[in-house]
Amino acid sequence: MNITWNNVVSPQRNELVFEGRNQFYGAYEIRRNYNRVVMFVLAGLLVAVGLIFLIRFILNLNISLADTKKPQIVMTDIDLTPPPIDKNDPPPPPPPPPPVVETVRFVPPVIQDDAVETDPPPPQDELVETNVSTVTQEGTGGDDIVIPTENTGPGVVEEAKPEIFTVVEEMPEYPGGMADLMKYLQNNISYPQVEKEAGIQGKVFVKFVVQPDGVISNVEVLRGVSGGEGLSKEAIRVVKSMPKWKPGKQNGRTVPVYFNLPINFKLN
């Protein structure tokens, strides 16, 4: 069997089939250029596949470069223990004595038939502005001080504000510990674009209060970065968005506690 004749696109077979015929017929041109068209198609496919892989490589490279510029949050431990007391320092002066309020001694009246009044009582308008006591004395100041009597009746008593502690027996803690706190900050802080383009970086010290129910309040910046107002605003925003903490305890009860958190903004 002739191999050339069995090959449909063989030039020899093509010439024999179309010998003496109109070779400008479409089938003749198709068979003659078949191998060339197939090569062009395969080359085009290879180029397209190569371009796809090249584009994916460039995109992955850009993503990896962007990840390297992600701000790093470096946690710094702060010693909140108060400094030791120096025995050589003189003791603080005693507090001044409280002012003495001017009072008038109240003497219960005694009914006597033949008594002669030698010391008439003061007029009513003077008694209105006089504090009654068991002794008579001149005041040393503090006229605005009011000494309540025994039967004062119901009144409005202003509740004292709770004390905010700095150091307690059990300090407040982020749920999961400092490692989870670092992860939270790294995943939620967005480096401000202005400071990023200007290359401004540094450490922002944030102070806040962990309330007895674990809520974060009173967030403020103790010290920021020069020229990096955006870093301070971003630090405050992230701290305010934190979930509830484990509150601090003193003498077995939960109390509000101050907490200082340094956040280091750093560009690679």
Protein backbone atom coordinates (compact mmCIF):
# COMPACT_ATOMS: atom_id res chain seq x y z
CA MET A 1 0.00 0.00 0.00
CA ASN A 2 1.33 3.39 -0.91
CA ILE A 3 1.74 5.47 2.29
CA THR A 4 1.77 8.71 0.33
CA TRP A 5 -1.63 7.96 -1.20
CA ASN A 6 -3.19 7.16 2.21
CA ASN A 7 -2.07 10.51 3.60
CA VAL A 8 -4.95 12.89 2.83
CA VAL A 9 -2.80 16.00 3.09
CA SER A 10 0.15 14.55 1.11
CA PRO A 11 1.28 16.98 -1.63
CA GLN A 12 1.73 14.08 -4.14
CA ARG A 13 -1.83 12.86 -3.60
CA ASN A 14 -3.13 16.39 -3.78
CA GLU A 15 -1.43 16.87 -7.16
CA LEU A 16 -2.77 13.57 -8.54
CA VAL A 17 -6.32 14.21 -7.40
CA PHE A 18 -6.48 17.72 -8.81
CA GLU A 19 -4.39 17.01 -11.97
CA GLY A 20 -6.08 18.56 -14.97
CA ARG A 21 -8.68 20.25 -12.74
CA ASN A 22 -9.21 23.77 -11.50
CA GLN A 23 -6.56 23.99 -8.80
CA PHE A 24 -7.98 27.28 -7.57
CA TYR A 25 -10.84 25.22 -6.13
CA GLY A 26 -11.17 25.64 -2.36
CA ALA A 27 -10.47 22.00 -1.42
CA TYR A 28 -7.12 22.10 -3.18
CA GLU A 29 -5.98 25.15 -1.22
CA ILE A 30 -7.27 23.72 2.06
CA ARG A 31 -5.37 20.43 1.63
CA ARG A 32 -2.21 22.13 0.47
CA ASN A 33 -2.10 24.59 3.45
CA TYR A 34 -3.44 22.13 6.06
CA ASN A 35 -0.09 21.40 7.76
CA ARG A 36 0.83 25.08 7.87
CA VAL A 37 -2.52 26.05 9.47
CA VAL A 38 -2.21 23.32 12.10
CA MET A 39 1.27 24.55 13.05
CA PHE A 40 0.01 28.14 13.38
CA VAL A 41 -2.88 27.00 15.61
CA LEU A 42 -0.61 24.96 17.89
CA ALA A 43 1.88 27.82 18.15
CA GLY A 44 -0.93 30.23 19.04
CA LEU A 45 -2.19 27.90 21.78
CA LEU A 46 1.30 27.58 23.24
CA VAL A 47 1.73 31.37 23.27
CA ALA A 48 -1.69 31.87 24.93
CA VAL A 49 -0.92 29.30 27.65
CA GLY A 50 2.45 30.92 28.25
CA LEU A 51 0.85 34.36 28.62
CA ILE A 52 -1.68 33.01 31.15
CA PHE A 53 1.06 31.53 33.33
CA LEU A 54 3.12 34.73 33.03
CA ILE A 55 0.18 36.92 34.14
CA ARG A 56 -0.54 34.66 37.14
CA PHE A 57 3.13 34.79 38.15
CA ILE A 58 3.16 38.63 38.01
CA LEU A 59 -0.06 38.87 40.07
CA ASN A 60 1.26 36.49 42.74
CA LEU A 61 4.50 38.47 42.86
CA ASN A 62 2.62 41.74 43.45
CA ILE A 63 0.53 40.15 46.22
CA SER A 64 3.64 38.83 47.98
CA LEU A 65 5.30 42.26 47.74
CA ALA A 66 2.18 43.89 49.20
CA ASP A 67 2.20 41.43 52.12
CA THR A 68 5.79 42.32 52.95
CA LYS A 69 4.76 45.96 53.42
CA LYS A 70 2.04 45.08 55.91
CA PRO A 71 2.61 46.98 59.19
CA GLN A 72 4.16 44.97 61.97
CA ILE A 73 2.66 45.37 65.43
CA VAL A 74 5.34 44.93 68.07
CA MET A 75 4.13 44.50 71.64
CA THR A 76 6.23 45.97 74.42
CA ASP A 77 5.72 45.04 78.05
CA ILE A 78 5.47 47.98 80.46
CA ASP A 79 6.33 47.60 84.14
CA LEU A 80 3.44 49.15 86.06
CA THR A 81 4.90 48.38 89.50
CA PRO A 82 5.22 51.60 91.55
CA PRO A 83 8.81 52.63 92.42
CA PRO A 84 10.11 51.62 95.88
CA ILE A 85 9.80 54.19 98.67
CA ASP A 86 13.09 55.82 99.60
CA LYS A 87 13.51 55.77 103.40
CA ASN A 88 15.69 58.90 103.23
CA ASP A 89 12.85 61.00 101.80
CA PRO A 90 11.08 63.11 104.46
CA PRO A 91 7.50 62.06 105.23
CA PRO A 92 4.76 64.15 103.63
CA PRO A 93 3.40 67.01 105.75
CA PRO A 94 0.20 66.30 107.68
CA PRO A 95 -3.01 67.58 106.12
CA PRO A 96 -4.27 70.97 107.41
CA PRO A 97 -7.00 70.82 110.06
CA PRO A 98 -10.56 71.26 108.84
CA PRO A 99 -12.03 74.76 109.15
CA VAL A 100 -14.01 75.50 112.29
CA VAL A 101 -17.60 76.47 111.63
CA GLU A 102 -19.06 79.31 113.63
CA THR A 103 -21.82 77.96 115.91
CA VAL A 104 -24.08 79.18 118.68
CA ARG A 105 -24.69 77.05 121.76
CA PHE A 106 -28.28 75.91 122.12
CA VAL A 107 -29.49 75.98 125.71
CA PRO A 108 -32.82 74.32 126.35
CA PRO A 109 -35.28 76.75 127.92
CA VAL A 110 -36.07 76.47 131.66
CA ILE A 111 -39.42 77.79 132.82
CA GLN A 112 -39.18 79.81 136.04
CA ASP A 113 -41.97 81.88 137.43
CA ASP A 114 -39.77 84.51 139.02
CA ALA A 115 -36.90 84.41 136.52
CA VAL A 116 -35.60 87.69 135.21
CA GLU A 117 -34.42 87.64 131.61
CA THR A 118 -30.87 89.01 131.63
CA ASP A 119 -29.63 87.72 128.24
CA PRO A 120 -32.29 88.12 125.57
CA PRO A 121 -32.11 85.61 122.69
CA PRO A 122 -30.79 86.78 119.30
CA PRO A 123 -33.34 87.95 116.72
CA GLN A 124 -34.88 85.42 114.34
CA ASP A 125 -33.12 86.78 111.23
CA GLU A 126 -29.73 86.11 112.90
CA LEU A 127 -30.69 82.57 113.91
CA VAL A 128 -31.57 81.69 110.33
CA GLU A 129 -27.92 81.99 109.24
CA THR A 130 -26.45 80.50 112.47
CA ASN A 131 -25.34 76.90 112.96
CA VAL A 132 -26.65 75.40 116.19
CA SER A 133 -24.25 73.29 118.29
CA THR A 134 -23.55 72.29 121.90
CA VAL A 135 -20.90 75.05 122.22
CA THR A 136 -20.50 78.62 121.07
CA GLN A 137 -17.40 79.29 118.95
CA GLU A 138 -16.12 81.55 116.22
CA GLY A 139 -15.52 80.13 112.77
CA THR A 140 -12.19 80.04 110.91
CA GLY A 141 -13.58 79.77 107.43
CA GLY A 142 -15.51 77.32 105.30
CA ASP A 143 -18.82 79.16 105.42
CA ASP A 144 -20.08 76.93 102.65
CA ILE A 145 -19.78 73.82 104.87
CA VAL A 146 -23.14 72.45 106.02
CA ILE A 147 -23.24 70.27 109.14
CA PRO A 148 -26.32 68.04 108.96
CA THR A 149 -28.39 67.50 112.11
CA GLU A 150 -29.71 64.13 113.21
CA ASN A 151 -33.17 64.34 111.67
CA THR A 152 -32.42 65.82 108.29
CA GLY A 153 -35.08 63.79 106.47
CA PRO A 154 -34.76 62.29 103.00
CA GLY A 155 -32.47 64.06 100.56
CA VAL A 156 -30.43 63.59 97.40
CA VAL A 157 -27.01 62.10 98.12
CA GLU A 158 -24.50 62.34 95.29
CA GLU A 159 -22.88 58.96 94.67
CA ALA A 160 -19.10 58.97 94.73
CA LYS A 161 -17.38 58.03 91.48
CA PRO A 162 -15.66 54.62 91.56
CA GLU A 163 -11.90 54.64 91.92
CA ILE A 164 -9.94 53.67 88.80
CA PHE A 165 -6.97 51.48 89.75
CA THR A 166 -3.55 51.42 88.12
CA VAL A 167 -2.24 48.17 89.61
CA VAL A 168 -4.50 45.42 91.00
CA GLU A 169 -4.11 41.85 92.18
CA GLU A 170 -5.43 40.45 88.88
CA MET A 171 -4.70 42.74 85.93
CA PRO A 172 -7.16 42.90 82.99
CA GLU A 173 -6.44 40.52 80.12
CA TYR A 174 -7.45 40.30 76.48
CA PRO A 175 -9.47 37.12 75.79
CA GLY A 176 -6.89 34.55 74.73
CA GLY A 177 -3.90 36.43 76.14
CA MET A 178 -1.29 38.73 74.61
CA ALA A 179 -0.68 36.43 71.64
CA ASP A 180 -4.30 36.75 70.51
CA LEU A 181 -4.18 40.50 71.15
CA MET A 182 -1.20 40.80 68.81
CA LYS A 183 -3.03 38.79 66.13
CA TYR A 184 -6.11 41.00 66.51
CA LEU A 185 -4.07 44.17 66.05
CA GLN A 186 -2.17 42.79 63.04
CA ASN A 187 -5.42 41.73 61.33
CA ASN A 188 -7.37 44.92 62.04
CA ILE A 189 -4.88 47.79 61.77
CA SER A 190 -4.78 49.58 58.39
CA TYR A 191 -1.64 51.63 57.87
CA PRO A 192 -2.75 55.23 57.06
CA GLN A 193 -2.01 56.03 53.43
CA VAL A 194 -0.52 59.49 54.11
CA GLU A 195 1.97 58.17 56.67
CA LYS A 196 2.70 55.15 54.49
CA GLU A 197 3.61 57.27 51.48
CA ALA A 198 5.68 59.63 53.66
CA GLY A 199 7.50 56.71 55.32
CA ILE A 200 6.44 57.80 58.81
CA GLN A 201 6.67 55.03 61.40
CA GLY A 202 7.05 54.74 65.15
CA LYS A 203 5.41 53.73 68.42
CA VAL A 204 2.05 55.03 69.68
CA PHE A 205 1.27 54.66 73.40
CA VAL A 206 -2.46 54.26 74.08
CA LYS A 207 -4.10 54.44 77.52
CA PHE A 208 -7.59 53.15 78.25
CA VAL A 209 -9.79 51.84 81.08
CA VAL A 210 -11.06 48.26 81.31
CA GLN A 211 -14.41 48.57 83.07
CA PRO A 212 -15.72 45.91 85.53
CA ASP A 213 -17.85 44.44 82.73
CA GLY A 214 -14.82 44.22 80.38
CA VAL A 215 -15.84 47.15 78.15
CA ILE A 216 -13.05 49.43 76.88
CA SER A 217 -13.52 53.16 77.65
CA ASN A 218 -11.58 56.42 78.13
CA VAL A 219 -9.26 55.69 75.18
CA GLU A 220 -6.56 58.32 74.74
CA VAL A 221 -3.06 58.65 73.27
CA LEU A 222 -0.33 59.23 75.84
CA ARG A 223 2.40 59.74 73.24
CA GLY A 224 2.22 59.60 69.46
CA VAL A 225 4.63 59.84 66.52
CA SER A 226 5.80 63.24 65.32
CA GLY A 227 3.97 64.09 62.10
CA GLY A 228 1.91 60.89 62.30
CA GLU A 229 -1.52 62.03 63.43
CA GLY A 230 -3.05 59.29 61.29
CA LEU A 231 -1.16 56.65 63.29
CA SER A 232 -2.68 57.96 66.56
CA LYS A 233 -6.20 58.01 65.08
CA GLU A 234 -5.81 54.47 63.74
CA ALA A 235 -4.53 53.21 67.11
CA ILE A 236 -7.52 54.75 68.92
CA ARG A 237 -9.95 53.30 66.36
CA VAL A 238 -8.61 49.77 66.70
CA VAL A 239 -8.51 49.88 70.52
CA LYS A 240 -12.13 51.11 70.67
CA SER A 241 -13.21 48.27 68.37
CA MET A 242 -11.67 45.56 70.58
CA PRO A 243 -14.02 42.97 72.13
CA LYS A 244 -14.65 42.82 75.87
CA TRP A 245 -11.64 42.03 78.05
CA LYS A 246 -11.40 39.89 81.16
CA PRO A 247 -11.75 42.60 83.86
CA GLY A 248 -9.24 43.21 86.64
CA LYS A 249 -9.92 42.17 90.22
CA GLN A 250 -9.01 43.66 93.61
CA ASN A 251 -9.94 41.87 96.84
CA GLY A 252 -12.06 39.40 94.88
CA ARG A 253 -14.26 41.99 93.13
CA THR A 254 -14.06 43.41 89.61
CA VAL A 255 -12.86 47.01 89.43
CA PRO A 256 -12.03 49.52 86.66
CA VAL A 257 -8.33 49.45 85.81
CA TYR A 258 -6.10 51.64 83.62
CA PHE A 259 -4.14 49.79 80.93
CA ASN A 260 -1.29 51.10 78.76
CA LEU A 261 -0.77 49.54 75.32
CA PRO A 262 2.20 50.45 73.05
CA ILE A 263 1.56 49.85 69.32
CA ASN A 264 4.57 49.96 66.99
CA PHE A 265 3.84 50.97 63.37
CA LYS A 266 6.66 49.73 61.15
CA LEU A 267 7.13 49.58 57.38
CA ASN A 268 9.38 46.93 55.81
